[in-house]
N, C-alpha and C. Protein backbone atom coordinates (compact mmCIF):
# COMPACT_ATOMS: atom_id res chain seq x y z
N UNK A 1 -38.89 19.87 -27.90
CA UNK A 1 -39.51 19.91 -26.58
C UNK A 1 -39.67 18.50 -26.02
N UNK A 2 -40.14 17.57 -26.87
CA UNK A 2 -40.33 16.18 -26.44
C UNK A 2 -39.00 15.57 -26.02
N UNK A 3 -37.95 15.86 -26.81
CA UNK A 3 -36.62 15.30 -26.50
C UNK A 3 -36.14 15.82 -25.16
N UNK A 4 -36.36 17.14 -24.91
CA UNK A 4 -35.95 17.70 -23.63
C UNK A 4 -36.70 17.04 -22.48
N UNK A 5 -38.00 16.79 -22.69
CA UNK A 5 -38.80 16.15 -21.63
C UNK A 5 -38.31 14.74 -21.35
N UNK A 6 -38.01 14.00 -22.41
CA UNK A 6 -37.50 12.62 -22.23
C UNK A 6 -36.18 12.64 -21.48
N UNK A 7 -35.32 13.60 -21.85
CA UNK A 7 -34.03 13.70 -21.18
C UNK A 7 -34.21 14.02 -19.70
N UNK A 8 -35.17 14.93 -19.40
CA UNK A 8 -35.43 15.31 -18.02
C UNK A 8 -35.94 14.12 -17.21
N UNK A 9 -36.89 13.37 -17.81
CA UNK A 9 -37.43 12.20 -17.13
C UNK A 9 -36.35 11.16 -16.89
N UNK A 10 -35.49 10.96 -17.88
CA UNK A 10 -34.40 10.00 -17.74
C UNK A 10 -33.47 10.39 -16.60
N UNK A 11 -33.22 11.70 -16.47
CA UNK A 11 -32.38 12.19 -15.40
C UNK A 11 -33.00 11.91 -14.05
N UNK A 12 -34.32 12.14 -13.94
CA UNK A 12 -35.02 11.87 -12.68
C UNK A 12 -34.95 10.39 -12.32
N UNK A 13 -35.12 9.53 -13.32
CA UNK A 13 -35.05 8.08 -13.07
C UNK A 13 -33.66 7.69 -12.57
N UNK A 14 -32.63 8.27 -13.20
CA UNK A 14 -31.26 7.96 -12.80
C UNK A 14 -31.00 8.39 -11.37
N UNK A 15 -31.44 9.62 -11.03
CA UNK A 15 -31.25 10.13 -9.67
C UNK A 15 -31.97 9.26 -8.67
N UNK A 16 -33.21 8.84 -9.02
CA UNK A 16 -33.98 8.00 -8.11
C UNK A 16 -33.30 6.66 -7.90
N UNK A 17 -32.74 6.11 -8.98
CA UNK A 17 -32.06 4.82 -8.87
C UNK A 17 -30.85 4.91 -7.98
N UNK A 18 -30.08 6.01 -8.13
CA UNK A 18 -28.91 6.19 -7.28
C UNK A 18 -29.30 6.34 -5.83
N UNK A 19 -30.39 7.09 -5.60
CA UNK A 19 -30.85 7.31 -4.23
C UNK A 19 -31.29 6.02 -3.56
N UNK A 20 -31.80 5.05 -4.38
CA UNK A 20 -32.28 3.79 -3.82
C UNK A 20 -31.18 2.74 -3.70
N UNK A 21 -29.98 3.04 -4.25
CA UNK A 21 -28.89 2.08 -4.16
C UNK A 21 -28.41 1.99 -2.72
N UNK A 22 -28.45 0.82 -2.12
CA UNK A 22 -28.05 0.71 -0.72
C UNK A 22 -26.56 0.97 -0.55
N UNK A 23 -26.20 1.63 0.55
CA UNK A 23 -24.79 1.89 0.84
C UNK A 23 -24.09 0.57 1.16
N UNK A 24 -22.82 0.51 0.77
CA UNK A 24 -22.05 -0.70 1.04
C UNK A 24 -21.92 -0.92 2.54
N UNK A 25 -22.09 -2.16 2.98
CA UNK A 25 -22.00 -2.48 4.39
C UNK A 25 -20.71 -3.26 4.66
N UNK A 26 -20.05 -2.97 5.77
CA UNK A 26 -18.82 -3.68 6.08
C UNK A 26 -19.10 -5.12 6.50
N UNK A 27 -18.12 -5.98 6.30
CA UNK A 27 -18.21 -7.34 6.81
C UNK A 27 -16.99 -7.57 7.70
N UNK A 28 -16.65 -8.81 7.98
CA UNK A 28 -15.53 -9.10 8.87
C UNK A 28 -14.20 -8.60 8.32
N UNK A 29 -14.14 -8.36 7.00
CA UNK A 29 -12.90 -7.90 6.39
C UNK A 29 -12.93 -6.46 5.97
N UNK A 30 -13.85 -5.67 6.53
CA UNK A 30 -13.93 -4.26 6.19
C UNK A 30 -14.97 -4.00 5.11
N UNK A 31 -14.84 -2.86 4.43
CA UNK A 31 -15.79 -2.47 3.38
C UNK A 31 -15.39 -3.08 2.04
N UNK A 32 -16.36 -3.42 1.20
CA UNK A 32 -16.04 -3.90 -0.15
C UNK A 32 -15.17 -2.89 -0.88
N UNK A 33 -14.22 -3.38 -1.68
CA UNK A 33 -13.30 -2.50 -2.39
C UNK A 33 -13.95 -1.98 -3.67
N UNK A 34 -13.46 -0.86 -4.20
CA UNK A 34 -14.12 -0.20 -5.33
C UNK A 34 -13.88 -0.80 -6.71
N UNK A 35 -12.92 -1.70 -6.86
CA UNK A 35 -12.69 -2.34 -8.17
C UNK A 35 -12.57 -3.84 -7.99
N UNK A 36 -12.70 -4.56 -9.10
CA UNK A 36 -12.63 -6.02 -9.05
C UNK A 36 -11.26 -6.49 -8.55
N UNK A 37 -10.19 -5.85 -9.02
CA UNK A 37 -8.85 -6.25 -8.60
C UNK A 37 -8.66 -6.03 -7.10
N UNK A 38 -9.10 -4.87 -6.63
CA UNK A 38 -8.94 -4.58 -5.21
C UNK A 38 -9.82 -5.48 -4.35
N UNK A 39 -10.99 -5.85 -4.86
CA UNK A 39 -11.84 -6.77 -4.10
C UNK A 39 -11.21 -8.15 -4.05
N UNK A 40 -10.55 -8.56 -5.15
CA UNK A 40 -9.81 -9.83 -5.10
C UNK A 40 -8.69 -9.74 -4.06
N UNK A 41 -8.02 -8.60 -4.03
CA UNK A 41 -6.96 -8.41 -3.05
C UNK A 41 -7.49 -8.43 -1.63
N UNK A 42 -8.66 -7.84 -1.44
CA UNK A 42 -9.27 -7.87 -0.10
C UNK A 42 -9.60 -9.30 0.31
N UNK A 43 -10.04 -10.10 -0.65
CA UNK A 43 -10.34 -11.50 -0.36
C UNK A 43 -9.09 -12.23 0.10
N UNK A 44 -7.98 -12.02 -0.61
CA UNK A 44 -6.72 -12.65 -0.22
C UNK A 44 -6.31 -12.16 1.16
N UNK A 45 -6.45 -10.88 1.42
CA UNK A 45 -6.08 -10.27 2.70
C UNK A 45 -6.87 -10.93 3.85
N UNK A 46 -8.15 -11.20 3.60
CA UNK A 46 -9.00 -11.75 4.65
C UNK A 46 -8.78 -13.25 4.83
N UNK A 47 -8.74 -14.01 3.73
CA UNK A 47 -8.57 -15.46 3.87
C UNK A 47 -7.19 -15.80 4.42
N UNK A 48 -6.24 -14.88 4.28
CA UNK A 48 -4.90 -15.08 4.86
C UNK A 48 -4.86 -14.64 6.31
N UNK A 49 -5.97 -14.11 6.81
CA UNK A 49 -6.10 -13.63 8.19
C UNK A 49 -5.21 -12.44 8.49
N UNK A 50 -4.83 -11.69 7.45
CA UNK A 50 -4.00 -10.50 7.65
C UNK A 50 -4.69 -9.49 8.56
N UNK A 51 -6.02 -9.42 8.43
CA UNK A 51 -6.76 -8.39 9.17
C UNK A 51 -6.77 -8.63 10.67
N UNK A 52 -6.49 -9.85 11.11
CA UNK A 52 -6.48 -10.11 12.55
C UNK A 52 -5.33 -9.40 13.25
N UNK A 53 -4.19 -9.29 12.56
CA UNK A 53 -3.01 -8.65 13.17
C UNK A 53 -2.78 -7.24 12.66
N UNK A 54 -3.08 -7.01 11.38
CA UNK A 54 -2.80 -5.70 10.78
C UNK A 54 -4.03 -4.80 10.74
N UNK A 55 -5.20 -5.35 11.06
CA UNK A 55 -6.42 -4.57 11.05
C UNK A 55 -7.06 -4.51 9.67
N UNK A 56 -8.34 -4.24 9.62
CA UNK A 56 -9.04 -4.17 8.34
C UNK A 56 -8.63 -2.93 7.54
N UNK A 57 -7.95 -1.98 8.21
CA UNK A 57 -7.52 -0.76 7.52
C UNK A 57 -6.03 -0.47 7.75
N UNK A 58 -5.28 -1.49 8.12
CA UNK A 58 -3.83 -1.42 8.37
C UNK A 58 -3.48 -0.72 9.68
N UNK A 59 -4.45 -0.40 10.51
CA UNK A 59 -4.15 0.30 11.76
C UNK A 59 -4.06 -0.66 12.94
N UNK A 60 -3.99 -1.96 12.68
CA UNK A 60 -3.95 -2.93 13.76
C UNK A 60 -2.59 -3.02 14.43
N UNK A 61 -1.62 -3.59 13.71
CA UNK A 61 -0.27 -3.80 14.27
C UNK A 61 -0.35 -4.45 15.64
N UNK A 62 -1.20 -5.48 15.76
CA UNK A 62 -1.41 -6.14 17.05
C UNK A 62 -0.34 -7.19 17.33
N UNK A 63 -0.02 -7.37 18.59
CA UNK A 63 0.89 -8.42 19.07
C UNK A 63 2.22 -8.45 18.31
N UNK A 64 2.77 -7.28 18.07
CA UNK A 64 4.08 -7.23 17.43
C UNK A 64 4.06 -7.25 15.92
N UNK A 65 2.88 -7.28 15.32
CA UNK A 65 2.80 -7.29 13.85
C UNK A 65 3.31 -5.96 13.30
N UNK A 66 3.84 -5.99 12.08
CA UNK A 66 4.39 -4.78 11.46
C UNK A 66 3.30 -3.74 11.23
N UNK A 67 3.66 -2.49 11.39
CA UNK A 67 2.75 -1.38 11.12
C UNK A 67 2.79 -1.11 9.62
N UNK A 68 1.87 -1.74 8.88
CA UNK A 68 1.87 -1.63 7.42
C UNK A 68 1.51 -0.23 6.94
N UNK A 69 0.93 0.59 7.80
CA UNK A 69 0.58 1.94 7.42
C UNK A 69 1.82 2.82 7.26
N UNK A 70 2.90 2.48 8.01
CA UNK A 70 4.07 3.34 8.01
C UNK A 70 5.37 2.60 7.68
N UNK A 71 5.31 1.30 7.50
CA UNK A 71 6.52 0.53 7.21
C UNK A 71 7.12 0.99 5.88
N UNK A 72 8.38 1.47 5.86
CA UNK A 72 8.98 1.97 4.61
C UNK A 72 8.99 0.93 3.49
N UNK A 73 9.16 -0.34 3.83
CA UNK A 73 9.20 -1.38 2.80
C UNK A 73 7.93 -1.40 1.97
N UNK A 74 6.79 -1.19 2.60
CA UNK A 74 5.51 -1.20 1.87
C UNK A 74 5.47 -0.02 0.89
N UNK A 75 5.99 1.12 1.31
CA UNK A 75 6.01 2.28 0.44
C UNK A 75 6.90 2.08 -0.77
N UNK A 76 7.95 1.29 -0.63
CA UNK A 76 8.87 1.05 -1.75
C UNK A 76 8.40 -0.07 -2.67
N UNK A 77 7.42 -0.83 -2.24
CA UNK A 77 6.95 -1.98 -3.02
C UNK A 77 6.34 -1.56 -4.35
N UNK A 78 6.62 -2.36 -5.37
CA UNK A 78 6.04 -2.15 -6.70
C UNK A 78 5.36 -3.44 -7.14
N UNK A 79 4.03 -3.43 -7.15
CA UNK A 79 3.23 -4.58 -7.61
C UNK A 79 3.61 -5.87 -6.89
N UNK A 80 3.94 -5.77 -5.62
CA UNK A 80 4.19 -6.97 -4.83
C UNK A 80 5.62 -7.48 -4.86
N UNK A 81 6.56 -6.73 -5.45
CA UNK A 81 7.93 -7.25 -5.56
C UNK A 81 8.61 -7.36 -4.20
N UNK A 82 8.18 -6.57 -3.22
CA UNK A 82 8.75 -6.67 -1.87
C UNK A 82 7.78 -7.34 -0.90
N UNK A 83 6.50 -7.10 -1.09
CA UNK A 83 5.49 -7.72 -0.23
C UNK A 83 5.39 -9.22 -0.51
N UNK A 84 5.44 -9.60 -1.79
CA UNK A 84 5.27 -10.99 -2.18
C UNK A 84 6.22 -11.97 -1.51
N UNK A 85 7.52 -11.72 -1.55
CA UNK A 85 8.46 -12.67 -0.92
C UNK A 85 8.19 -12.87 0.57
N UNK A 86 7.78 -11.82 1.27
CA UNK A 86 7.50 -11.95 2.70
C UNK A 86 6.24 -12.78 2.91
N UNK A 87 5.22 -12.54 2.09
CA UNK A 87 3.98 -13.31 2.21
C UNK A 87 4.24 -14.78 1.93
N UNK A 88 5.02 -15.06 0.92
CA UNK A 88 5.28 -16.46 0.57
C UNK A 88 6.15 -17.17 1.61
N UNK A 89 7.14 -16.47 2.15
CA UNK A 89 8.07 -17.11 3.09
C UNK A 89 7.58 -17.04 4.53
N UNK A 90 6.72 -16.07 4.83
CA UNK A 90 6.28 -15.88 6.21
C UNK A 90 7.38 -15.26 7.05
N UNK A 91 7.04 -14.99 8.30
CA UNK A 91 8.00 -14.45 9.26
C UNK A 91 7.88 -15.25 10.55
N UNK A 92 8.43 -16.46 10.56
CA UNK A 92 8.22 -17.36 11.70
C UNK A 92 8.87 -16.91 12.99
N UNK A 93 9.82 -15.99 12.93
CA UNK A 93 10.53 -15.58 14.15
C UNK A 93 9.87 -14.42 14.88
N UNK A 94 8.83 -13.84 14.27
CA UNK A 94 8.11 -12.76 14.94
C UNK A 94 7.26 -13.31 16.08
N UNK A 95 6.93 -12.43 17.01
CA UNK A 95 6.04 -12.83 18.10
C UNK A 95 4.72 -13.35 17.55
N UNK A 96 4.27 -12.74 16.45
CA UNK A 96 3.00 -13.17 15.87
C UNK A 96 3.15 -14.38 14.98
N UNK A 97 4.43 -14.77 14.67
CA UNK A 97 4.69 -15.93 13.81
C UNK A 97 3.84 -15.88 12.55
N UNK A 98 4.07 -14.86 11.73
CA UNK A 98 3.30 -14.71 10.50
C UNK A 98 3.45 -15.95 9.64
N UNK A 99 2.32 -16.59 9.25
CA UNK A 99 2.40 -17.82 8.46
C UNK A 99 2.91 -17.56 7.05
N UNK A 100 3.30 -18.62 6.38
CA UNK A 100 3.77 -18.51 5.00
C UNK A 100 2.69 -19.00 4.04
N UNK A 101 2.69 -18.40 2.85
CA UNK A 101 1.73 -18.77 1.81
C UNK A 101 2.50 -18.99 0.51
N UNK A 102 3.26 -20.08 0.44
CA UNK A 102 4.14 -20.31 -0.71
C UNK A 102 3.41 -20.61 -2.02
N UNK A 103 2.14 -20.99 -1.91
CA UNK A 103 1.40 -21.38 -3.12
C UNK A 103 0.63 -20.23 -3.76
N UNK A 104 0.72 -19.06 -3.21
CA UNK A 104 0.00 -17.94 -3.81
C UNK A 104 0.57 -17.63 -5.19
N UNK A 105 -0.34 -17.42 -6.14
CA UNK A 105 0.07 -17.13 -7.51
C UNK A 105 0.55 -15.68 -7.64
N UNK A 106 1.17 -15.40 -8.77
CA UNK A 106 1.62 -14.03 -9.03
C UNK A 106 0.44 -13.06 -9.03
N UNK A 107 -0.70 -13.51 -9.57
CA UNK A 107 -1.89 -12.66 -9.60
C UNK A 107 -2.40 -12.38 -8.19
N UNK A 108 -2.41 -13.39 -7.33
CA UNK A 108 -2.88 -13.20 -5.97
C UNK A 108 -1.97 -12.22 -5.21
N UNK A 109 -0.67 -12.35 -5.43
CA UNK A 109 0.27 -11.43 -4.79
C UNK A 109 0.06 -10.01 -5.30
N UNK A 110 -0.14 -9.87 -6.60
CA UNK A 110 -0.36 -8.55 -7.19
C UNK A 110 -1.64 -7.92 -6.65
N UNK A 111 -2.70 -8.72 -6.56
CA UNK A 111 -3.98 -8.21 -6.05
C UNK A 111 -3.85 -7.83 -4.58
N UNK A 112 -3.19 -8.67 -3.80
CA UNK A 112 -3.00 -8.40 -2.38
C UNK A 112 -2.20 -7.12 -2.18
N UNK A 113 -1.11 -6.97 -2.92
CA UNK A 113 -0.28 -5.78 -2.80
C UNK A 113 -1.06 -4.52 -3.18
N UNK A 114 -1.86 -4.62 -4.25
CA UNK A 114 -2.66 -3.46 -4.68
C UNK A 114 -3.64 -3.05 -3.58
N UNK A 115 -4.21 -4.03 -2.91
CA UNK A 115 -5.17 -3.72 -1.84
C UNK A 115 -4.47 -3.09 -0.64
N UNK A 116 -3.30 -3.60 -0.28
CA UNK A 116 -2.54 -3.02 0.83
C UNK A 116 -2.17 -1.57 0.52
N UNK A 117 -1.74 -1.32 -0.73
CA UNK A 117 -1.40 0.05 -1.11
C UNK A 117 -2.64 0.95 -1.07
N UNK A 118 -3.76 0.42 -1.50
CA UNK A 118 -5.01 1.19 -1.47
C UNK A 118 -5.37 1.59 -0.04
N UNK A 119 -5.29 0.64 0.88
CA UNK A 119 -5.59 0.93 2.28
C UNK A 119 -4.60 1.93 2.85
N UNK A 120 -3.34 1.77 2.48
CA UNK A 120 -2.31 2.66 3.00
C UNK A 120 -2.50 4.09 2.48
N UNK A 121 -2.86 4.23 1.22
CA UNK A 121 -3.08 5.56 0.66
C UNK A 121 -4.28 6.24 1.33
N UNK A 122 -5.33 5.48 1.58
CA UNK A 122 -6.48 6.05 2.29
C UNK A 122 -6.08 6.52 3.69
N UNK A 123 -5.35 5.65 4.39
CA UNK A 123 -4.96 5.97 5.76
C UNK A 123 -4.00 7.13 5.85
N UNK A 124 -3.00 7.16 4.97
CA UNK A 124 -2.03 8.25 5.00
C UNK A 124 -2.70 9.58 4.64
N UNK A 125 -3.68 9.55 3.75
CA UNK A 125 -4.40 10.78 3.42
C UNK A 125 -5.12 11.32 4.65
N UNK A 126 -5.76 10.42 5.40
CA UNK A 126 -6.45 10.85 6.63
C UNK A 126 -5.46 11.47 7.61
N UNK A 127 -4.31 10.83 7.74
CA UNK A 127 -3.31 11.34 8.68
C UNK A 127 -2.77 12.70 8.25
N UNK A 128 -2.49 12.83 6.97
CA UNK A 128 -1.82 14.03 6.47
C UNK A 128 -2.77 15.20 6.24
N UNK A 129 -4.06 14.97 6.39
CA UNK A 129 -5.03 16.07 6.33
C UNK A 129 -5.63 16.33 7.71
N UNK A 130 -5.08 15.70 8.74
CA UNK A 130 -5.56 15.92 10.10
C UNK A 130 -5.19 17.34 10.54
N UNK A 131 -5.94 17.93 11.46
CA UNK A 131 -5.68 19.31 11.89
C UNK A 131 -4.24 19.58 12.33
N UNK A 132 -3.61 18.61 12.98
CA UNK A 132 -2.25 18.81 13.47
C UNK A 132 -1.23 19.01 12.37
N UNK A 133 -1.57 18.58 11.15
CA UNK A 133 -0.64 18.71 10.03
C UNK A 133 -0.66 20.11 9.43
N UNK A 134 -1.48 20.99 9.97
CA UNK A 134 -1.59 22.34 9.40
C UNK A 134 -0.55 23.30 9.96
N UNK A 135 0.33 22.83 10.85
CA UNK A 135 1.34 23.70 11.42
C UNK A 135 2.34 24.13 10.35
N UNK A 136 3.07 25.19 10.64
CA UNK A 136 3.98 25.78 9.66
C UNK A 136 5.13 24.84 9.32
N UNK A 137 5.55 24.89 8.05
CA UNK A 137 6.67 24.09 7.60
C UNK A 137 7.87 24.95 7.26
N UNK A 138 8.90 24.31 6.74
CA UNK A 138 10.15 24.97 6.38
C UNK A 138 10.23 25.07 4.86
N UNK A 139 10.12 26.30 4.33
CA UNK A 139 10.10 26.49 2.89
C UNK A 139 11.39 26.02 2.23
N UNK A 140 12.53 26.22 2.89
CA UNK A 140 13.81 25.80 2.31
C UNK A 140 13.87 24.27 2.22
N UNK A 141 13.41 23.61 3.26
CA UNK A 141 13.37 22.14 3.22
C UNK A 141 12.39 21.67 2.15
N UNK A 142 11.28 22.42 1.97
CA UNK A 142 10.32 22.07 0.93
C UNK A 142 10.90 22.20 -0.45
N UNK A 143 11.75 23.22 -0.66
CA UNK A 143 12.40 23.40 -1.96
C UNK A 143 13.35 22.25 -2.26
N UNK A 144 14.06 21.79 -1.23
CA UNK A 144 14.97 20.66 -1.39
C UNK A 144 14.19 19.40 -1.75
N UNK A 145 13.07 19.17 -1.07
CA UNK A 145 12.26 17.98 -1.35
C UNK A 145 11.64 18.07 -2.74
N UNK A 146 11.19 19.25 -3.12
CA UNK A 146 10.56 19.46 -4.42
C UNK A 146 11.51 19.08 -5.55
N UNK A 147 12.76 19.49 -5.44
CA UNK A 147 13.74 19.24 -6.49
C UNK A 147 14.47 17.92 -6.32
N UNK A 148 14.41 17.37 -5.10
CA UNK A 148 15.16 16.16 -4.81
C UNK A 148 14.31 14.92 -4.66
N UNK A 149 14.13 14.47 -3.43
CA UNK A 149 13.47 13.19 -3.16
C UNK A 149 12.08 13.10 -3.75
N UNK A 150 11.34 14.20 -3.73
CA UNK A 150 9.97 14.16 -4.26
C UNK A 150 9.88 14.13 -5.76
N UNK A 151 10.93 14.58 -6.43
CA UNK A 151 10.99 14.65 -7.90
C UNK A 151 9.80 15.42 -8.47
N UNK A 152 9.31 16.38 -7.71
CA UNK A 152 8.15 17.17 -8.15
C UNK A 152 8.49 17.98 -9.40
N UNK A 153 9.75 18.46 -9.47
CA UNK A 153 10.15 19.29 -10.58
C UNK A 153 10.17 18.59 -11.92
N UNK A 154 10.09 17.26 -11.91
CA UNK A 154 10.07 16.54 -13.18
C UNK A 154 8.73 16.69 -13.90
N UNK A 155 7.70 17.10 -13.17
CA UNK A 155 6.37 17.27 -13.77
C UNK A 155 5.82 18.69 -13.58
N UNK A 156 6.28 19.37 -12.53
CA UNK A 156 5.68 20.64 -12.17
C UNK A 156 6.70 21.77 -12.16
N UNK A 157 6.19 22.98 -12.28
CA UNK A 157 7.05 24.17 -12.26
C UNK A 157 6.32 25.31 -11.56
N UNK A 158 7.03 26.02 -10.70
CA UNK A 158 6.43 27.15 -10.00
C UNK A 158 6.10 28.30 -10.95
N UNK A 159 6.80 28.34 -12.08
CA UNK A 159 6.51 29.38 -13.06
C UNK A 159 5.55 28.90 -14.14
N UNK A 160 5.17 27.62 -14.06
CA UNK A 160 4.26 27.04 -15.04
C UNK A 160 2.94 26.65 -14.43
N UNK A 161 2.70 25.34 -14.32
CA UNK A 161 1.39 24.87 -13.87
C UNK A 161 1.08 25.22 -12.42
N UNK A 162 2.10 25.46 -11.60
CA UNK A 162 1.86 25.77 -10.19
C UNK A 162 1.82 27.27 -9.91
N UNK A 163 2.02 28.08 -10.93
CA UNK A 163 2.04 29.52 -10.74
C UNK A 163 0.72 30.03 -10.16
N UNK A 164 0.81 30.76 -9.07
CA UNK A 164 -0.39 31.34 -8.46
C UNK A 164 -1.25 30.36 -7.69
N UNK A 165 -0.79 29.10 -7.55
CA UNK A 165 -1.62 28.11 -6.87
C UNK A 165 -1.91 28.46 -5.43
N UNK A 166 -0.93 29.07 -4.76
CA UNK A 166 -1.12 29.41 -3.35
C UNK A 166 -2.12 30.54 -3.16
N UNK A 167 -2.35 31.32 -4.18
CA UNK A 167 -3.35 32.40 -4.07
C UNK A 167 -4.73 31.94 -4.51
N UNK A 168 -4.77 30.84 -5.29
CA UNK A 168 -6.06 30.31 -5.76
C UNK A 168 -6.77 29.51 -4.68
N UNK A 169 -6.00 28.81 -3.84
CA UNK A 169 -6.59 27.88 -2.89
C UNK A 169 -6.18 28.22 -1.46
N UNK A 170 -7.08 27.98 -0.54
CA UNK A 170 -6.73 28.05 0.87
C UNK A 170 -5.75 26.93 1.18
N UNK A 171 -5.02 27.08 2.28
CA UNK A 171 -3.97 26.13 2.62
C UNK A 171 -4.48 24.70 2.70
N UNK A 172 -5.66 24.51 3.31
CA UNK A 172 -6.17 23.14 3.47
C UNK A 172 -6.55 22.53 2.13
N UNK A 173 -7.08 23.34 1.22
CA UNK A 173 -7.43 22.82 -0.11
C UNK A 173 -6.16 22.53 -0.91
N UNK A 174 -5.17 23.40 -0.78
CA UNK A 174 -3.91 23.19 -1.47
C UNK A 174 -3.25 21.89 -1.00
N UNK A 175 -3.35 21.63 0.30
CA UNK A 175 -2.79 20.40 0.85
C UNK A 175 -3.52 19.18 0.31
N UNK A 176 -4.84 19.24 0.23
CA UNK A 176 -5.61 18.12 -0.30
C UNK A 176 -5.26 17.85 -1.75
N UNK A 177 -5.11 18.90 -2.54
CA UNK A 177 -4.78 18.73 -3.96
C UNK A 177 -3.36 18.23 -4.14
N UNK A 178 -2.48 18.62 -3.24
CA UNK A 178 -1.11 18.13 -3.28
C UNK A 178 -1.07 16.63 -3.02
N UNK A 179 -1.85 16.19 -2.04
CA UNK A 179 -1.84 14.78 -1.65
C UNK A 179 -2.61 13.90 -2.63
N UNK A 180 -3.72 14.41 -3.13
CA UNK A 180 -4.59 13.59 -3.98
C UNK A 180 -5.23 14.45 -5.05
N UNK A 181 -4.52 14.69 -6.14
CA UNK A 181 -5.08 15.53 -7.20
C UNK A 181 -6.21 14.87 -7.98
N UNK A 182 -6.32 13.56 -7.89
CA UNK A 182 -7.38 12.84 -8.58
C UNK A 182 -8.61 12.66 -7.73
N UNK A 183 -9.66 12.04 -8.26
CA UNK A 183 -10.92 11.92 -7.54
C UNK A 183 -10.93 10.85 -6.47
N UNK A 184 -10.03 9.88 -6.52
CA UNK A 184 -10.08 8.80 -5.55
C UNK A 184 -8.70 8.18 -5.37
N UNK A 185 -8.65 7.05 -4.66
CA UNK A 185 -7.38 6.40 -4.36
C UNK A 185 -7.08 5.23 -5.30
N UNK A 186 -7.86 5.06 -6.32
CA UNK A 186 -7.67 3.91 -7.21
C UNK A 186 -6.70 4.28 -8.32
N UNK A 187 -5.58 3.56 -8.41
CA UNK A 187 -4.57 3.88 -9.41
C UNK A 187 -4.80 3.16 -10.73
N UNK A 188 -5.72 2.18 -10.76
CA UNK A 188 -5.98 1.44 -11.99
C UNK A 188 -6.52 2.37 -13.07
N UNK A 189 -5.81 2.44 -14.18
CA UNK A 189 -6.25 3.27 -15.28
C UNK A 189 -5.99 4.75 -15.08
N UNK A 190 -5.38 5.14 -13.98
CA UNK A 190 -5.11 6.55 -13.72
C UNK A 190 -3.90 7.01 -14.54
N UNK A 191 -3.79 8.31 -14.72
CA UNK A 191 -2.66 8.87 -15.46
C UNK A 191 -1.38 8.67 -14.66
N UNK A 192 -0.23 8.68 -15.33
CA UNK A 192 1.06 8.53 -14.62
C UNK A 192 1.23 9.57 -13.51
N UNK A 193 0.72 10.78 -13.73
CA UNK A 193 0.84 11.82 -12.72
C UNK A 193 0.07 11.48 -11.45
N UNK A 194 -1.15 10.97 -11.60
CA UNK A 194 -1.95 10.58 -10.45
C UNK A 194 -1.29 9.43 -9.71
N UNK A 195 -0.80 8.45 -10.45
CA UNK A 195 -0.12 7.30 -9.84
C UNK A 195 1.09 7.77 -9.05
N UNK A 196 1.85 8.72 -9.59
CA UNK A 196 3.03 9.24 -8.90
C UNK A 196 2.64 9.92 -7.59
N UNK A 197 1.54 10.67 -7.60
CA UNK A 197 1.08 11.34 -6.38
C UNK A 197 0.64 10.32 -5.33
N UNK A 198 -0.03 9.26 -5.76
CA UNK A 198 -0.47 8.23 -4.82
C UNK A 198 0.71 7.50 -4.21
N UNK A 199 1.76 7.28 -4.99
CA UNK A 199 2.97 6.66 -4.45
C UNK A 199 3.63 7.57 -3.42
N UNK A 200 3.70 8.87 -3.75
CA UNK A 200 4.27 9.82 -2.79
C UNK A 200 3.45 9.85 -1.51
N UNK A 201 2.14 9.71 -1.65
CA UNK A 201 1.25 9.72 -0.49
C UNK A 201 1.67 8.65 0.52
N UNK A 202 2.17 7.53 0.02
CA UNK A 202 2.62 6.45 0.91
C UNK A 202 4.01 6.70 1.48
N UNK A 203 4.78 7.58 0.85
CA UNK A 203 6.19 7.71 1.20
C UNK A 203 6.57 8.98 1.93
N UNK A 204 5.63 9.92 2.07
CA UNK A 204 5.96 11.17 2.75
C UNK A 204 6.45 10.90 4.17
N UNK A 205 7.55 11.55 4.53
CA UNK A 205 8.04 11.46 5.89
C UNK A 205 7.50 12.60 6.74
N UNK A 206 7.87 12.62 8.00
CA UNK A 206 7.40 13.66 8.91
C UNK A 206 7.81 15.04 8.39
N UNK A 207 6.86 15.91 8.23
CA UNK A 207 7.12 17.28 7.83
C UNK A 207 7.24 17.52 6.35
N UNK A 208 7.32 16.49 5.52
CA UNK A 208 7.51 16.70 4.08
C UNK A 208 6.38 17.52 3.48
N UNK A 209 5.15 17.18 3.82
CA UNK A 209 4.00 17.88 3.24
C UNK A 209 3.94 19.32 3.75
N UNK A 210 4.16 19.52 5.04
CA UNK A 210 4.18 20.88 5.59
C UNK A 210 5.26 21.72 4.92
N UNK A 211 6.41 21.11 4.69
CA UNK A 211 7.51 21.86 4.06
C UNK A 211 7.19 22.20 2.60
N UNK A 212 6.59 21.25 1.89
CA UNK A 212 6.21 21.52 0.51
C UNK A 212 5.20 22.65 0.42
N UNK A 213 4.22 22.63 1.30
CA UNK A 213 3.21 23.70 1.30
C UNK A 213 3.84 25.05 1.62
N UNK A 214 4.78 25.06 2.56
CA UNK A 214 5.47 26.31 2.89
C UNK A 214 6.24 26.83 1.68
N UNK A 215 6.85 25.92 0.94
CA UNK A 215 7.60 26.30 -0.26
C UNK A 215 6.67 26.88 -1.33
N UNK A 216 5.55 26.22 -1.55
CA UNK A 216 4.60 26.69 -2.56
C UNK A 216 4.00 28.04 -2.17
N UNK A 217 3.71 28.21 -0.89
CA UNK A 217 3.10 29.46 -0.45
C UNK A 217 4.10 30.61 -0.46
N UNK A 218 5.37 30.30 -0.20
CA UNK A 218 6.39 31.34 -0.21
C UNK A 218 6.68 31.82 -1.63
N UNK A 219 6.40 30.95 -2.60
CA UNK A 219 6.71 31.29 -4.00
C UNK A 219 5.52 31.87 -4.73
N UNK A 220 4.43 32.18 -4.04
CA UNK A 220 3.22 32.65 -4.72
C UNK A 220 3.41 34.02 -5.36
């Protein structure tokens, strides 16, 4: 009985502490990032003045700056292998004359790239769960994407783990689980499957998600 009481009191203290924890407040560079690596990346993003042209959430694209939310190159990047060379060399011929940062270390480039991907995954999730994305898709095109470009069949099977999924979840929930099966957008320490879904989240083209959902629902 005493042990149960101590456990109960401890739970109350924990809940009270969480309730008193102040919510994170934004600064000139947006909201603090959820991990140390991403916060380092946010620091690089801000001190490089990226947020002035690309926005604190990649929705800026001001004065001719690249739309990092939808630029295919960003989606293909792996740990800064494509973003890094551009950051180091700059883009002097653009209207915005993006400056160069040749002295950035490999770690700074990696952190910056991770933060850009994090922002992009958040933004693409918002876009792909917007009401307009609920329109009907093409099941045949979804089947092609499932077996082809999406490589979904390498991990999933309609007769295995996905069997009956369309009957278990409403369409909007199924779409959310398709886009983000994990609890958040942080890929650090996540399973290979979660990382793969987050990468796809950045690379989906127009209609891909609608088509995949149509395919899954047609096969229920």
